[in-house]
Amino acid sequence: MNKNPKYPNSAGRLLAILEGLKPQGTLTQQLLPLIFDRQMPGNAHEQSIENIKVLTELHIMYVEFLQDLANADIPDDEKSVLEKGLVSLATLMYPAASNQGARVVSESEKALLEVCATRLPKENVLEDSDIENIRESISLLRETIEELPDASILRNILLELARLSEDSINRFNIYGAKGVKKAFKDMLAEVAEIYLQDEEDVSDIKSTPAWDKAIKHIKLFDSVAAKAMKYKPLLEKASQYLSLSGG
């Protein structure tokens, strides 16, 4: 699936995913490479886990779309027609069994989803330069991680920062701009764990080069999320309050 769907909103992302379904193969087998960019494993136990993950992601996308449609600035009569016309999608979202054949989305369902995609507000897309800057910062984090002791609190936090960043930009086509902002908020929660340590430990951690790299990465990610979600970077106002500075 392309990094950026034709319509950058929840309806457009759902449409881009569902358009790829074919009659051959199960729903989860087809969605796994589209959503997670990997093939279904051969092991039955691993397959069941992947099935759950895929259906969970699909349900999240579907619910987000329904919420956005419900909140959209569209006349009630038109909104009612769209909602009723797409009720049939529920049979695809909630298959009786994960190994049953995929139901192909009908042309009328595609058309109505596309109408929704044109009516819902458009999100900003990530620029290639933004993605490249984040990937470079992730690489620096991973280099720093290798230099930290296994039991280090900061090491674990850097690992999570790298994971959250990578996941949100790799699957921007699934999460969209909201996913980028959520990843940023989760990063702040991770960093907050540092402040739960003894004051002496906090001081030691904040004096390390690794801490500086972590904060630089978070500020970079905040600036990218701000462009995607059209808000003022949160750390411009919060950095002093959160003491997000080195040394």
C-alpha atoms as a PDB file:
ATOM      1  CA  MET A   1       0.000   0.000   0.000  1.00  0.00           C
ATOM      2  CA  ASN A   2       1.218   3.522  -0.785  1.00  0.00           C
ATOM      3  CA  LYS A   3       2.608   5.659   2.015  1.00  0.00           C
ATOM      4  CA  ASN A   4      -0.072   8.283   1.363  1.00  0.00           C
ATOM      5  CA  PRO A   5      -3.576   7.235   0.222  1.00  0.00           C
ATOM      6  CA  LYS A   6      -5.318   9.393  -2.398  1.00  0.00           C
ATOM      7  CA  TYR A   7      -7.507  10.928   0.321  1.00  0.00           C
ATOM      8  CA  PRO A   8      -5.568  11.677   3.530  1.00  0.00           C
ATOM      9  CA  ASN A   9      -8.230  10.986   6.131  1.00  0.00           C
ATOM     10  CA  SER A  10      -9.832   8.002   7.863  1.00  0.00           C
ATOM     11  CA  ALA A  11     -12.247   7.292   4.981  1.00  0.00           C
ATOM     12  CA  GLY A  12      -9.443   7.476   2.430  1.00  0.00           C
ATOM     13  CA  ARG A  13      -7.212   5.128   4.422  1.00  0.00           C
ATOM     14  CA  LEU A  14     -10.027   2.604   4.876  1.00  0.00           C
ATOM     15  CA  LEU A  15     -10.877   2.803   1.171  1.00  0.00           C
ATOM     16  CA  ALA A  16      -7.236   2.249   0.165  1.00  0.00           C
ATOM     17  CA  ILE A  17      -7.029  -0.859   2.357  1.00  0.00           C
ATOM     18  CA  LEU A  18     -10.343  -2.384   1.256  1.00  0.00           C
ATOM     19  CA  GLU A  19      -9.777  -1.723  -2.450  1.00  0.00           C
ATOM     20  CA  GLY A  20      -6.897  -4.196  -2.356  1.00  0.00           C
ATOM     21  CA  LEU A  21      -9.082  -7.156  -1.338  1.00  0.00           C
ATOM     22  CA  LYS A  22      -9.607  -9.985  -3.833  1.00  0.00           C
ATOM     23  CA  PRO A  23     -11.979 -12.999  -3.744  1.00  0.00           C
ATOM     24  CA  GLN A  24      -9.043 -15.395  -3.461  1.00  0.00           C
ATOM     25  CA  GLY A  25      -7.490 -15.815  -0.032  1.00  0.00           C
ATOM     26  CA  THR A  26      -8.753 -15.062   3.448  1.00  0.00           C
ATOM     27  CA  LEU A  27      -9.349 -11.566   4.763  1.00  0.00           C
ATOM     28  CA  THR A  28      -6.456 -11.669   7.222  1.00  0.00           C
ATOM     29  CA  GLN A  29      -4.019 -13.225   4.725  1.00  0.00           C
ATOM     30  CA  GLN A  30      -4.659 -10.351   2.340  1.00  0.00           C
ATOM     31  CA  LEU A  31      -4.657  -7.600   4.953  1.00  0.00           C
ATOM     32  CA  LEU A  32      -1.481  -8.687   6.782  1.00  0.00           C
ATOM     33  CA  PRO A  33       0.910  -7.466   4.029  1.00  0.00           C
ATOM     34  CA  LEU A  34      -1.240  -4.364   3.433  1.00  0.00           C
ATOM     35  CA  ILE A  35      -1.284  -3.345   7.090  1.00  0.00           C
ATOM     36  CA  PHE A  36       1.914  -4.816   8.534  1.00  0.00           C
ATOM     37  CA  ASP A  37       3.963  -5.361   5.353  1.00  0.00           C
ATOM     38  CA  ARG A  38       4.604  -9.043   6.089  1.00  0.00           C
ATOM     39  CA  GLN A  39       3.247 -12.427   4.977  1.00  0.00           C
ATOM     40  CA  MET A  40       1.229 -14.872   7.044  1.00  0.00           C
ATOM     41  CA  PRO A  41       3.540 -17.322   8.893  1.00  0.00           C
ATOM     42  CA  GLY A  42       3.223 -21.079   8.463  1.00  0.00           C
ATOM     43  CA  ASN A  43       2.924 -21.859  12.179  1.00  0.00           C
ATOM     44  CA  ALA A  44      -0.726 -22.221  13.232  1.00  0.00           C
ATOM     45  CA  HIS A  45      -0.219 -20.532  16.617  1.00  0.00           C
ATOM     46  CA  GLU A  46       1.554 -17.569  15.032  1.00  0.00           C
ATOM     47  CA  GLN A  47      -1.192 -17.368  12.416  1.00  0.00           C
ATOM     48  CA  SER A  48      -3.869 -17.023  15.100  1.00  0.00           C
ATOM     49  CA  ILE A  49      -1.903 -14.191  16.722  1.00  0.00           C
ATOM     50  CA  GLU A  50      -1.488 -12.398  13.400  1.00  0.00           C
ATOM     51  CA  ASN A  51      -5.194 -12.840  12.649  1.00  0.00           C
ATOM     52  CA  ILE A  52      -6.089 -11.073  15.896  1.00  0.00           C
ATOM     53  CA  LYS A  53      -3.620  -8.249  15.236  1.00  0.00           C
ATOM     54  CA  VAL A  54      -4.897  -7.680  11.702  1.00  0.00           C
ATOM     55  CA  LEU A  55      -8.578  -7.676  12.669  1.00  0.00           C
ATOM     56  CA  THR A  56      -7.862  -5.356  15.600  1.00  0.00           C
ATOM     57  CA  GLU A  57      -6.167  -2.841  13.295  1.00  0.00           C
ATOM     58  CA  LEU A  58      -9.004  -3.096  10.786  1.00  0.00           C
ATOM     59  CA  HIS A  59     -11.595  -2.509  13.524  1.00  0.00           C
ATOM     60  CA  ILE A  60      -9.677   0.533  14.790  1.00  0.00           C
ATOM     61  CA  MET A  61      -9.615   2.011  11.273  1.00  0.00           C
ATOM     62  CA  TYR A  62     -13.327   1.309  10.842  1.00  0.00           C
ATOM     63  CA  VAL A  63     -14.327   2.813  14.200  1.00  0.00           C
ATOM     64  CA  GLU A  64     -12.191   5.893  13.587  1.00  0.00           C
ATOM     65  CA  PHE A  65     -13.908   6.380  10.234  1.00  0.00           C
ATOM     66  CA  LEU A  66     -17.380   6.018  11.802  1.00  0.00           C
ATOM     67  CA  GLN A  67     -16.493   8.551  14.497  1.00  0.00           C
ATOM     68  CA  ASP A  68     -15.125  11.023  11.960  1.00  0.00           C
ATOM     69  CA  LEU A  69     -18.230  10.634   9.797  1.00  0.00           C
ATOM     70  CA  ALA A  70     -20.508  11.134  12.801  1.00  0.00           C
ATOM     71  CA  ASN A  71     -18.631  14.332  13.732  1.00  0.00           C
ATOM     72  CA  ALA A  72     -18.293  15.638  10.175  1.00  0.00           C
ATOM     73  CA  ASP A  73     -19.750  18.965   9.114  1.00  0.00           C
ATOM     74  CA  ILE A  74     -22.174  17.345   6.671  1.00  0.00           C
ATOM     75  CA  PRO A  75     -25.956  17.919   6.530  1.00  0.00           C
ATOM     76  CA  ASP A  76     -27.764  15.311   8.642  1.00  0.00           C
ATOM     77  CA  ASP A  77     -29.846  13.940   5.762  1.00  0.00           C
ATOM     78  CA  GLU A  78     -26.756  13.401   3.614  1.00  0.00           C
ATOM     79  CA  LYS A  79     -24.860  11.910   6.534  1.00  0.00           C
ATOM     80  CA  SER A  80     -27.735   9.508   7.194  1.00  0.00           C
ATOM     81  CA  VAL A  81     -27.678   8.306   3.576  1.00  0.00           C
ATOM     82  CA  LEU A  82     -23.925   7.680   3.764  1.00  0.00           C
ATOM     83  CA  GLU A  83     -24.165   5.854   7.087  1.00  0.00           C
ATOM     84  CA  LYS A  84     -27.040   3.630   5.929  1.00  0.00           C
ATOM     85  CA  GLY A  85     -25.318   2.906   2.636  1.00  0.00           C
ATOM     86  CA  LEU A  86     -22.213   1.680   4.442  1.00  0.00           C
ATOM     87  CA  VAL A  87     -23.913  -0.465   7.093  1.00  0.00           C
ATOM     88  CA  SER A  88     -23.041  -3.503   4.978  1.00  0.00           C
ATOM     89  CA  LEU A  89     -19.329  -2.926   5.668  1.00  0.00           C
ATOM     90  CA  ALA A  90     -19.861  -4.396   9.130  1.00  0.00           C
ATOM     91  CA  THR A  91     -20.158  -7.875   7.593  1.00  0.00           C
ATOM     92  CA  LEU A  92     -16.651  -7.466   6.210  1.00  0.00           C
ATOM     93  CA  MET A  93     -15.210  -5.966   9.374  1.00  0.00           C
ATOM     94  CA  TYR A  94     -16.468  -8.743  11.605  1.00  0.00           C
ATOM     95  CA  PRO A  95     -16.093 -12.071   9.745  1.00  0.00           C
ATOM     96  CA  ALA A  96     -17.559 -15.179  11.331  1.00  0.00           C
ATOM     97  CA  ALA A  97     -14.113 -16.809  11.135  1.00  0.00           C
ATOM     98  CA  SER A  98     -10.696 -15.318  10.401  1.00  0.00           C
ATOM     99  CA  ASN A  99      -9.955 -18.085   7.866  1.00  0.00           C
ATOM    100  CA  GLN A 100     -13.036 -17.507   5.744  1.00  0.00           C
ATOM    101  CA  GLY A 101     -12.668 -16.082   2.243  1.00  0.00           C
ATOM    102  CA  ALA A 102     -12.545 -12.311   1.968  1.00  0.00           C
ATOM    103  CA  ARG A 103     -15.674 -10.510   0.822  1.00  0.00           C
ATOM    104  CA  VAL A 104     -14.744  -8.095  -1.928  1.00  0.00           C
ATOM    105  CA  VAL A 105     -15.958  -4.555  -1.357  1.00  0.00           C
ATOM    106  CA  SER A 106     -18.815  -3.703  -3.710  1.00  0.00           C
ATOM    107  CA  GLU A 107     -18.605  -0.854  -6.198  1.00  0.00           C
ATOM    108  CA  SER A 108     -21.400   0.988  -4.373  1.00  0.00           C
ATOM    109  CA  GLU A 109     -19.497   0.677  -1.062  1.00  0.00           C
ATOM    110  CA  LYS A 110     -16.335   1.986  -2.714  1.00  0.00           C
ATOM    111  CA  ALA A 111     -18.257   4.883  -4.221  1.00  0.00           C
ATOM    112  CA  LEU A 112     -19.832   5.841  -0.903  1.00  0.00           C
ATOM    113  CA  LEU A 113     -16.498   5.562   0.915  1.00  0.00           C
ATOM    114  CA  GLU A 114     -14.956   7.820  -1.706  1.00  0.00           C
ATOM    115  CA  VAL A 115     -17.749  10.350  -1.213  1.00  0.00           C
ATOM    116  CA  CYS A 116     -16.999  10.278   2.521  1.00  0.00           C
ATOM    117  CA  ALA A 117     -13.296  10.681   1.800  1.00  0.00           C
ATOM    118  CA  THR A 118     -13.991  13.811  -0.250  1.00  0.00           C
ATOM    119  CA  ARG A 119     -16.235  15.299   2.456  1.00  0.00           C
ATOM    120  CA  LEU A 120     -14.097  14.620   5.545  1.00  0.00           C
ATOM    121  CA  PRO A 121     -11.329  17.136   6.391  1.00  0.00           C
ATOM    122  CA  LYS A 122      -7.996  16.346   4.759  1.00  0.00           C
ATOM    123  CA  GLU A 123      -4.957  15.761   6.949  1.00  0.00           C
ATOM    124  CA  ASN A 124      -1.485  16.970   6.077  1.00  0.00           C
ATOM    125  CA  VAL A 125       0.838  14.289   4.719  1.00  0.00           C
ATOM    126  CA  LEU A 126       4.384  13.659   5.883  1.00  0.00           C
ATOM    127  CA  GLU A 127       7.059  15.152   3.667  1.00  0.00           C
ATOM    128  CA  ASP A 128       9.843  12.845   2.483  1.00  0.00           C
ATOM    129  CA  SER A 129      12.345  15.157   4.192  1.00  0.00           C
ATOM    130  CA  ASP A 130      10.479  14.834   7.508  1.00  0.00           C
ATOM    131  CA  ILE A 131      10.506  11.045   7.265  1.00  0.00           C
ATOM    132  CA  GLU A 132      14.201  11.028   6.405  1.00  0.00           C
ATOM    133  CA  ASN A 133      15.035  13.297   9.354  1.00  0.00           C
ATOM    134  CA  ILE A 134      13.123  11.027  11.733  1.00  0.00           C
ATOM    135  CA  ARG A 135      14.807   7.908  10.353  1.00  0.00           C
ATOM    136  CA  GLU A 136      18.232   9.516  10.814  1.00  0.00           C
ATOM    137  CA  SER A 137      17.331  10.428  14.385  1.00  0.00           C
ATOM    138  CA  ILE A 138      16.127   6.864  15.031  1.00  0.00           C
ATOM    139  CA  SER A 139      19.487   5.570  13.766  1.00  0.00           C
ATOM    140  CA  LEU A 140      21.281   7.840  16.224  1.00  0.00           C
ATOM    141  CA  LEU A 141      19.061   6.566  19.024  1.00  0.00           C
ATOM    142  CA  ARG A 142      19.850   2.956  18.140  1.00  0.00           C
ATOM    143  CA  GLU A 143      23.576   3.676  18.090  1.00  0.00           C
ATOM    144  CA  THR A 144      23.259   5.219  21.543  1.00  0.00           C
ATOM    145  CA  ILE A 145      21.220   2.267  22.803  1.00  0.00           C
ATOM    146  CA  GLU A 146      24.087  -0.096  21.980  1.00  0.00           C
ATOM    147  CA  GLU A 147      26.378   1.932  24.238  1.00  0.00           C
ATOM    148  CA  LEU A 148      24.093   1.761  27.289  1.00  0.00           C
ATOM    149  CA  PRO A 149      23.998  -1.080  29.858  1.00  0.00           C
ATOM    150  CA  ASP A 150      21.184  -3.623  29.426  1.00  0.00           C
ATOM    151  CA  ALA A 151      19.682  -2.719  32.802  1.00  0.00           C
ATOM    152  CA  SER A 152      19.711   1.028  32.100  1.00  0.00           C
ATOM    153  CA  ILE A 153      16.367   2.810  32.495  1.00  0.00           C
ATOM    154  CA  LEU A 154      17.378   5.256  29.789  1.00  0.00           C
ATOM    155  CA  ARG A 155      18.235   2.394  27.423  1.00  0.00           C
ATOM    156  CA  ASN A 156      14.729   0.972  27.753  1.00  0.00           C
ATOM    157  CA  ILE A 157      13.205   4.392  27.161  1.00  0.00           C
ATOM    158  CA  LEU A 158      15.308   4.989  24.036  1.00  0.00           C
ATOM    159  CA  LEU A 159      14.236   1.590  22.718  1.00  0.00           C
ATOM    160  CA  GLU A 160      10.600   2.571  23.147  1.00  0.00           C
ATOM    161  CA  LEU A 161      11.126   6.005  21.560  1.00  0.00           C
ATOM    162  CA  ALA A 162      12.702   4.336  18.522  1.00  0.00           C
ATOM    163  CA  ARG A 163       9.896   1.754  18.300  1.00  0.00           C
ATOM    164  CA  LEU A 164       7.096   4.316  18.589  1.00  0.00           C
ATOM    165  CA  SER A 165       8.712   6.585  15.994  1.00  0.00           C
ATOM    166  CA  GLU A 166       9.405   3.825  13.508  1.00  0.00           C
ATOM    167  CA  ASP A 167       5.957   2.289  13.833  1.00  0.00           C
ATOM    168  CA  SER A 168       4.112   5.574  13.327  1.00  0.00           C
ATOM    169  CA  ILE A 169       6.000   6.603  10.172  1.00  0.00           C
ATOM    170  CA  ASN A 170       6.135   3.082   8.694  1.00  0.00           C
ATOM    171  CA  ARG A 171       2.368   2.835   8.999  1.00  0.00           C
ATOM    172  CA  PHE A 172       1.330   6.410   8.368  1.00  0.00           C
ATOM    173  CA  ASN A 173      -1.018   4.968   5.740  1.00  0.00           C
ATOM    174  CA  ILE A 174      -2.879   3.214   8.575  1.00  0.00           C
ATOM    175  CA  TYR A 175      -2.562   5.650  11.475  1.00  0.00           C
ATOM    176  CA  GLY A 176      -2.455   8.963   9.643  1.00  0.00           C
ATOM    177  CA  ALA A 177      -1.573  12.231  11.332  1.00  0.00           C
ATOM    178  CA  LYS A 178      -3.464  11.236  14.483  1.00  0.00           C
ATOM    179  CA  GLY A 179      -1.170   8.244  14.849  1.00  0.00           C
ATOM    180  CA  VAL A 180       1.885  10.492  14.661  1.00  0.00           C
ATOM    181  CA  LYS A 181       0.522  12.728  17.403  1.00  0.00           C
ATOM    182  CA  LYS A 182      -0.401   9.713  19.555  1.00  0.00           C
ATOM    183  CA  ALA A 183       3.132   8.350  19.163  1.00  0.00           C
ATOM    184  CA  PHE A 184       4.495  11.695  20.342  1.00  0.00           C
ATOM    185  CA  LYS A 185       2.263  11.669  23.428  1.00  0.00           C
ATOM    186  CA  ASP A 186       3.349   8.113  24.196  1.00  0.00           C
ATOM    187  CA  MET A 187       6.975   9.277  23.963  1.00  0.00           C
ATOM    188  CA  LEU A 188       6.320  11.956  26.563  1.00  0.00           C
ATOM    189  CA  ALA A 189       4.824   9.295  28.833  1.00  0.00           C
ATOM    190  CA  GLU A 190       7.967   7.205  28.416  1.00  0.00           C
ATOM    191  CA  VAL A 191      10.245  10.136  29.265  1.00  0.00           C
ATOM    192  CA  ALA A 192       8.092  10.950  32.297  1.00  0.00           C
ATOM    193  CA  GLU A 193       9.230   7.662  33.836  1.00  0.00           C
ATOM    194  CA  ILE A 194      12.649   9.221  34.325  1.00  0.00           C
ATOM    195  CA  TYR A 195      11.132  11.718  36.753  1.00  0.00           C
ATOM    196  CA  LEU A 196       9.779   8.895  38.918  1.00  0.00           C
ATOM    197  CA  GLN A 197      13.339   7.981  39.854  1.00  0.00           C
ATOM    198  CA  ASP A 198      15.272   9.382  42.825  1.00  0.00           C
ATOM    199  CA  GLU A 199      16.360  12.985  42.333  1.00  0.00           C
ATOM    200  CA  GLU A 200      20.012  11.958  42.257  1.00  0.00           C
ATOM    201  CA  ASP A 201      19.336   9.387  39.529  1.00  0.00           C
ATOM    202  CA  VAL A 202      17.402  11.958  37.488  1.00  0.00           C
ATOM    203  CA  SER A 203      20.308  14.379  37.707  1.00  0.00           C
ATOM    204  CA  ASP A 204      22.771  11.706  36.570  1.00  0.00           C
ATOM    205  CA  ILE A 205      20.565  10.666  33.658  1.00  0.00           C
ATOM    206  CA  LYS A 206      19.997  14.235  32.452  1.00  0.00           C
ATOM    207  CA  SER A 207      23.718  14.907  32.370  1.00  0.00           C
ATOM    208  CA  THR A 208      24.371  12.172  29.800  1.00  0.00           C
ATOM    209  CA  PRO A 209      24.718  12.591  26.001  1.00  0.00           C
ATOM    210  CA  ALA A 210      22.081   9.875  25.613  1.00  0.00           C
ATOM    211  CA  TRP A 211      19.501  12.077  27.363  1.00  0.00           C
ATOM    212  CA  ASP A 212      20.320  14.979  25.024  1.00  0.00           C
ATOM    213  CA  LYS A 213      19.763  12.721  22.002  1.00  0.00           C
ATOM    214  CA  ALA A 214      16.456  11.515  23.414  1.00  0.00           C
ATOM    215  CA  ILE A 215      15.194  15.072  23.903  1.00  0.00           C
ATOM    216  CA  LYS A 216      16.406  16.181  20.455  1.00  0.00           C
ATOM    217  CA  HIS A 217      14.547  13.237  18.943  1.00  0.00           C
ATOM    218  CA  ILE A 218      11.325  14.062  20.804  1.00  0.00           C
ATOM    219  CA  LYS A 219      11.497  17.721  19.767  1.00  0.00           C
ATOM    220  CA  LEU A 220      12.085  16.728  16.140  1.00  0.00           C
ATOM    221  CA  PHE A 221       9.145  14.331  16.257  1.00  0.00           C
ATOM    222  CA  ASP A 222       6.988  17.017  17.889  1.00  0.00           C
ATOM    223  CA  SER A 223       7.742  19.437  15.050  1.00  0.00           C
ATOM    224  CA  VAL A 224       6.780  16.819  12.444  1.00  0.00           C
ATOM    225  CA  ALA A 225       3.586  15.904  14.333  1.00  0.00           C
ATOM    226  CA  ALA A 226       2.753  19.613  14.604  1.00  0.00           C
ATOM    227  CA  LYS A 227       2.888  20.002  10.818  1.00  0.00           C
ATOM    228  CA  ALA A 228       0.850  16.846  10.270  1.00  0.00           C
ATOM    229  CA  MET A 229      -1.828  17.824  12.797  1.00  0.00           C
ATOM    230  CA  LYS A 230      -1.626  21.595  12.215  1.00  0.00           C
ATOM    231  CA  TYR A 231      -0.875  22.572  15.798  1.00  0.00           C
ATOM    232  CA  LYS A 232       1.884  24.582  17.450  1.00  0.00           C
ATOM    233  CA  PRO A 233       4.689  22.286  18.668  1.00  0.00           C
ATOM    234  CA  LEU A 234       3.731  21.307  22.207  1.00  0.00           C
ATOM    235  CA  LEU A 235       7.236  21.421  23.615  1.00  0.00           C
ATOM    236  CA  GLU A 236       7.632  25.112  22.823  1.00  0.00           C
ATOM    237  CA  LYS A 237       5.385  25.801  25.795  1.00  0.00           C
ATOM    238  CA  ALA A 238       5.835  22.609  27.803  1.00  0.00           C
ATOM    239  CA  SER A 239       9.624  22.165  27.780  1.00  0.00           C
ATOM    240  CA  GLN A 240      10.250  24.441  30.744  1.00  0.00           C
ATOM    241  CA  TYR A 241       7.444  22.881  32.731  1.00  0.00           C
ATOM    242  CA  LEU A 242       8.638  19.356  31.961  1.00  0.00           C
ATOM    243  CA  SER A 243      12.309  20.262  32.439  1.00  0.00           C
ATOM    244  CA  LEU A 244      13.046  18.692  29.049  1.00  0.00           C
ATOM    245  CA  SER A 245      16.587  19.942  28.751  1.00  0.00           C
ATOM    246  CA  GLY A 246      20.016  18.516  29.029  1.00  0.00           C
ATOM    247  CA  GLY A 247      22.326  18.949  31.999  1.00  0.00           C
END
